[in-house]
């Protein structure tokens, strides 16, 4: 999921010109579909806490926050802590 959130964030950051608008929209929709599949997997295979954190993170990225290495590391650290 981290790679897809990074791609979502990076596409939004780089494709800012008017002529990129349609391409960006299509890309973001496709990436979001892949993230939705991963969220479904988490719903059936992980704790409610991990699901909640993953959904919140996705929501913040969808609403404009960037997803970088720091956020990725925080997510992984959280999952490792809760999963232990």
C-alpha atoms as a PDB file:
ATOM      1  CA  UNK A   1       0.000   0.000   0.000  1.00  0.00           C
ATOM      2  CA  UNK A   2       2.909   2.315   0.700  1.00  0.00           C
ATOM      3  CA  UNK A   3       4.114   2.304  -2.886  1.00  0.00           C
ATOM      4  CA  UNK A   4       0.648   3.115  -4.197  1.00  0.00           C
ATOM      5  CA  UNK A   5       0.177   5.982  -1.734  1.00  0.00           C
ATOM      6  CA  UNK A   6       3.567   7.316  -2.756  1.00  0.00           C
ATOM      7  CA  UNK A   7       2.586   7.088  -6.439  1.00  0.00           C
ATOM      8  CA  UNK A   8      -0.731   8.820  -5.722  1.00  0.00           C
ATOM      9  CA  UNK A   9       1.005  11.617  -3.856  1.00  0.00           C
ATOM     10  CA  UNK A  10       3.826  11.993  -6.389  1.00  0.00           C
ATOM     11  CA  UNK A  11       1.463  12.067  -9.382  1.00  0.00           C
ATOM     12  CA  UNK A  12      -0.555  14.824  -7.763  1.00  0.00           C
ATOM     13  CA  UNK A  13       2.647  16.726  -6.997  1.00  0.00           C
ATOM     14  CA  UNK A  14       4.178  16.460 -10.480  1.00  0.00           C
ATOM     15  CA  UNK A  15       1.198  16.619 -12.823  1.00  0.00           C
ATOM     16  CA  UNK A  16       0.072  20.176 -12.162  1.00  0.00           C
ATOM     17  CA  UNK A  17      -0.207  21.702 -15.623  1.00  0.00           C
ATOM     18  CA  UNK A  18      -3.620  22.214 -17.175  1.00  0.00           C
ATOM     19  CA  UNK A  19      -2.862  19.764 -19.980  1.00  0.00           C
ATOM     20  CA  UNK A  20      -2.108  17.088 -17.344  1.00  0.00           C
ATOM     21  CA  UNK A  21      -5.506  17.389 -15.671  1.00  0.00           C
ATOM     22  CA  UNK A  22      -7.278  14.507 -17.437  1.00  0.00           C
ATOM     23  CA  UNK A  23      -4.227  12.235 -17.293  1.00  0.00           C
ATOM     24  CA  UNK A  24      -3.802  12.990 -13.588  1.00  0.00           C
ATOM     25  CA  UNK A  25      -7.440  12.233 -12.869  1.00  0.00           C
ATOM     26  CA  UNK A  26      -7.248   8.887 -14.670  1.00  0.00           C
ATOM     27  CA  UNK A  27      -4.004   7.969 -12.900  1.00  0.00           C
ATOM     28  CA  UNK A  28      -5.328   8.878  -9.465  1.00  0.00           C
ATOM     29  CA  UNK A  29      -8.494   6.855 -10.052  1.00  0.00           C
ATOM     30  CA  UNK A  30      -6.490   3.809 -11.134  1.00  0.00           C
ATOM     31  CA  UNK A  31      -4.110   4.053  -8.179  1.00  0.00           C
ATOM     32  CA  UNK A  32      -7.031   4.502  -5.782  1.00  0.00           C
ATOM     33  CA  UNK A  33      -8.647   1.326  -7.147  1.00  0.00           C
ATOM     34  CA  UNK A  34      -5.456  -0.611  -6.342  1.00  0.00           C
ATOM     35  CA  UNK A  35      -5.356   0.909  -2.856  1.00  0.00           C
ATOM     36  CA  UNK A  36      -9.024  -0.039  -2.329  1.00  0.00           C
ATOM     37  CA  UNK A  37      -8.163  -3.674  -3.088  1.00  0.00           C
ATOM     38  CA  UNK A  38      -5.421  -3.538  -0.466  1.00  0.00           C
ATOM     39  CA  UNK A  39      -7.790  -2.001   2.078  1.00  0.00           C
ATOM     40  CA  UNK A  40     -10.222  -4.877   1.452  1.00  0.00           C
ATOM     41  CA  UNK A  41      -7.382  -7.306   2.164  1.00  0.00           C
ATOM     42  CA  UNK A  42      -6.535  -5.477   5.376  1.00  0.00           C
ATOM     43  CA  UNK A  43     -10.211  -5.603   6.419  1.00  0.00           C
ATOM     44  CA  UNK A  44     -10.143  -9.391   6.403  1.00  0.00           C
ATOM     45  CA  UNK A  45      -6.556 -10.040   7.481  1.00  0.00           C
ATOM     46  CA  UNK A  46      -5.495  -7.408   9.999  1.00  0.00           C
ATOM     47  CA  UNK A  47      -6.665  -5.872  13.245  1.00  0.00           C
ATOM     48  CA  UNK A  48      -9.227  -3.101  13.412  1.00  0.00           C
ATOM     49  CA  UNK A  49      -6.483  -0.762  14.667  1.00  0.00           C
ATOM     50  CA  UNK A  50      -4.327  -1.321  11.603  1.00  0.00           C
ATOM     51  CA  UNK A  51      -7.341  -0.932   9.330  1.00  0.00           C
ATOM     52  CA  UNK A  52      -8.262   2.338  11.005  1.00  0.00           C
ATOM     53  CA  UNK A  53      -4.738   3.747  10.667  1.00  0.00           C
ATOM     54  CA  UNK A  54      -4.515   2.652   7.021  1.00  0.00           C
ATOM     55  CA  UNK A  55      -7.880   4.224   6.151  1.00  0.00           C
ATOM     56  CA  UNK A  56      -6.996   7.449   7.934  1.00  0.00           C
ATOM     57  CA  UNK A  57      -3.659   7.634   6.130  1.00  0.00           C
ATOM     58  CA  UNK A  58      -5.323   7.047   2.765  1.00  0.00           C
ATOM     59  CA  UNK A  59      -7.886   9.732   3.498  1.00  0.00           C
ATOM     60  CA  UNK A  60      -5.232  12.313   4.341  1.00  0.00           C
ATOM     61  CA  UNK A  61      -3.292  11.505   1.170  1.00  0.00           C
ATOM     62  CA  UNK A  62      -6.468  11.661  -0.945  1.00  0.00           C
ATOM     63  CA  UNK A  63      -7.159  15.082   0.540  1.00  0.00           C
ATOM     64  CA  UNK A  64      -3.763  16.527  -0.323  1.00  0.00           C
ATOM     65  CA  UNK A  65      -1.151  15.429   2.206  1.00  0.00           C
ATOM     66  CA  UNK A  66       2.023  14.056   0.719  1.00  0.00           C
ATOM     67  CA  UNK A  67       3.139  10.506   1.411  1.00  0.00           C
ATOM     68  CA  UNK A  68       6.874  10.323   1.921  1.00  0.00           C
ATOM     69  CA  UNK A  69       9.464   8.012   3.444  1.00  0.00           C
ATOM     70  CA  UNK A  70       8.774   9.347   6.926  1.00  0.00           C
ATOM     71  CA  UNK A  71       5.065   8.530   6.729  1.00  0.00           C
ATOM     72  CA  UNK A  72       5.848   5.144   5.222  1.00  0.00           C
ATOM     73  CA  UNK A  73       8.245   4.341   8.058  1.00  0.00           C
ATOM     74  CA  UNK A  74       5.667   5.472  10.629  1.00  0.00           C
ATOM     75  CA  UNK A  75       3.080   3.150   9.060  1.00  0.00           C
ATOM     76  CA  UNK A  76       5.444   0.176   9.020  1.00  0.00           C
ATOM     77  CA  UNK A  77       6.542   0.855  12.598  1.00  0.00           C
ATOM     78  CA  UNK A  78       2.929   1.041  13.745  1.00  0.00           C
ATOM     79  CA  UNK A  79       2.011  -2.203  11.983  1.00  0.00           C
ATOM     80  CA  UNK A  80       5.016  -3.965  13.495  1.00  0.00           C
ATOM     81  CA  UNK A  81       4.166  -2.692  16.978  1.00  0.00           C
ATOM     82  CA  UNK A  82       0.479  -3.616  16.823  1.00  0.00           C
ATOM     83  CA  UNK A  83       1.154  -6.880  15.023  1.00  0.00           C
ATOM     84  CA  UNK A  84       3.600  -8.116  17.654  1.00  0.00           C
END
